[in-house]
C-alpha atoms as a PDB file:
ATOM      1  CA  GLY A   1      30.848 -22.891 -32.356  1.00  0.00           C
ATOM      2  CA  ALA A   2      31.057 -19.173 -32.686  1.00  0.00           C
ATOM      3  CA  LYS A   3      34.440 -17.470 -32.569  1.00  0.00           C
ATOM      4  CA  PRO A   4      35.032 -14.557 -30.173  1.00  0.00           C
ATOM      5  CA  VAL A   5      35.049 -11.053 -31.654  1.00  0.00           C
ATOM      6  CA  ASP A   6      36.879  -8.020 -30.234  1.00  0.00           C
ATOM      7  CA  LEU A   7      34.338  -5.248 -29.597  1.00  0.00           C
ATOM      8  CA  LEU A   8      36.638  -2.786 -27.853  1.00  0.00           C
ATOM      9  CA  THR A   9      40.345  -2.434 -28.529  1.00  0.00           C
ATOM     10  CA  GLY A  10      42.992   0.250 -28.234  1.00  0.00           C
ATOM     11  CA  PHE A  11      43.266   0.389 -24.445  1.00  0.00           C
ATOM     12  CA  LEU A  12      47.024  -0.266 -24.613  1.00  0.00           C
ATOM     13  CA  GLY A  13      49.561   2.001 -26.255  1.00  0.00           C
ATOM     14  CA  LYS A  14      51.719   0.865 -29.163  1.00  0.00           C
ATOM     15  CA  ASP A  15      54.337  -0.431 -26.717  1.00  0.00           C
ATOM     16  CA  GLY A  16      51.755  -2.866 -25.323  1.00  0.00           C
ATOM     17  CA  LYS A  17      52.361  -1.623 -21.783  1.00  0.00           C
ATOM     18  CA  THR A  18      51.065   1.940 -21.508  1.00  0.00           C
ATOM     19  CA  ALA A  19      47.401   2.078 -20.488  1.00  0.00           C
ATOM     20  CA  MET A  20      45.356   4.403 -22.699  1.00  0.00           C
ATOM     21  CA  GLY A  21      42.260   3.216 -20.885  1.00  0.00           C
ATOM     22  CA  ARG A  22      41.263   0.510 -18.453  1.00  0.00           C
ATOM     23  CA  PRO A  23      37.798  -1.016 -18.669  1.00  0.00           C
ATOM     24  CA  VAL A  24      36.689  -1.880 -15.142  1.00  0.00           C
ATOM     25  CA  GLY A  25      32.953  -2.517 -15.457  1.00  0.00           C
ATOM     26  CA  VAL A  26      30.303  -3.342 -18.017  1.00  0.00           C
ATOM     27  CA  ILE A  27      26.499  -3.303 -18.011  1.00  0.00           C
ATOM     28  CA  THR A  28      23.765  -3.119 -20.646  1.00  0.00           C
ATOM     29  CA  ASP A  29      21.316  -0.240 -20.967  1.00  0.00           C
ATOM     30  CA  ALA A  30      17.603  -0.410 -21.824  1.00  0.00           C
ATOM     31  CA  THR A  31      18.372  -0.548 -25.574  1.00  0.00           C
ATOM     32  CA  GLY A  32      20.815  -3.448 -25.226  1.00  0.00           C
ATOM     33  CA  ALA A  33      23.932  -1.325 -25.735  1.00  0.00           C
ATOM     34  CA  LEU A  34      27.003  -2.080 -23.635  1.00  0.00           C
ATOM     35  CA  LEU A  35      28.157   0.622 -21.225  1.00  0.00           C
ATOM     36  CA  VAL A  36      31.817   0.216 -20.307  1.00  0.00           C
ATOM     37  CA  ALA A  37      33.418   2.161 -17.451  1.00  0.00           C
ATOM     38  CA  ASP A  38      37.030   3.249 -18.102  1.00  0.00           C
ATOM     39  CA  ASP A  39      38.808   4.479 -14.964  1.00  0.00           C
ATOM     40  CA  VAL A  40      41.973   5.709 -16.712  1.00  0.00           C
ATOM     41  CA  GLY A  41      40.098   7.923 -19.171  1.00  0.00           C
ATOM     42  CA  ASN A  42      37.326   8.660 -16.636  1.00  0.00           C
ATOM     43  CA  THR A  43      34.867   7.795 -19.409  1.00  0.00           C
ATOM     44  CA  ILE A  44      31.772   5.687 -19.994  1.00  0.00           C
ATOM     45  CA  TRP A  45      31.906   4.087 -23.457  1.00  0.00           C
ATOM     46  CA  ARG A  46      28.616   3.131 -25.140  1.00  0.00           C
ATOM     47  CA  VAL A  47      28.831   0.273 -27.647  1.00  0.00           C
ATOM     48  CA  SER A  48      25.790  -0.419 -29.817  1.00  0.00           C
ATOM     49  CA  ALA A  49      24.927  -2.232 -33.022  1.00  0.00           C
ATOM     50  CA  ALA A  50      25.482  -0.432 -36.323  1.00  0.00           C
ATOM     51  CA  LYS A  51      22.370   1.291 -37.641  1.00  0.00           C
END
C-alpha cells in the first residue's frame, strides 16, 4: 500500500507546543487544489500540484 505523505507542515513552533497555525478545515476547489483554513494565522492556504 501507499505510504502517507505530509503535504502541510510547520504549524508548530520549534518547541513543538507553540501554534504557528492551526488548520481547521479543508476543501477542494474546481481545479482540484486543497484549500486549508488556518484560524491562528487567519489565512486560507492553497495547495496544488507542482507545474
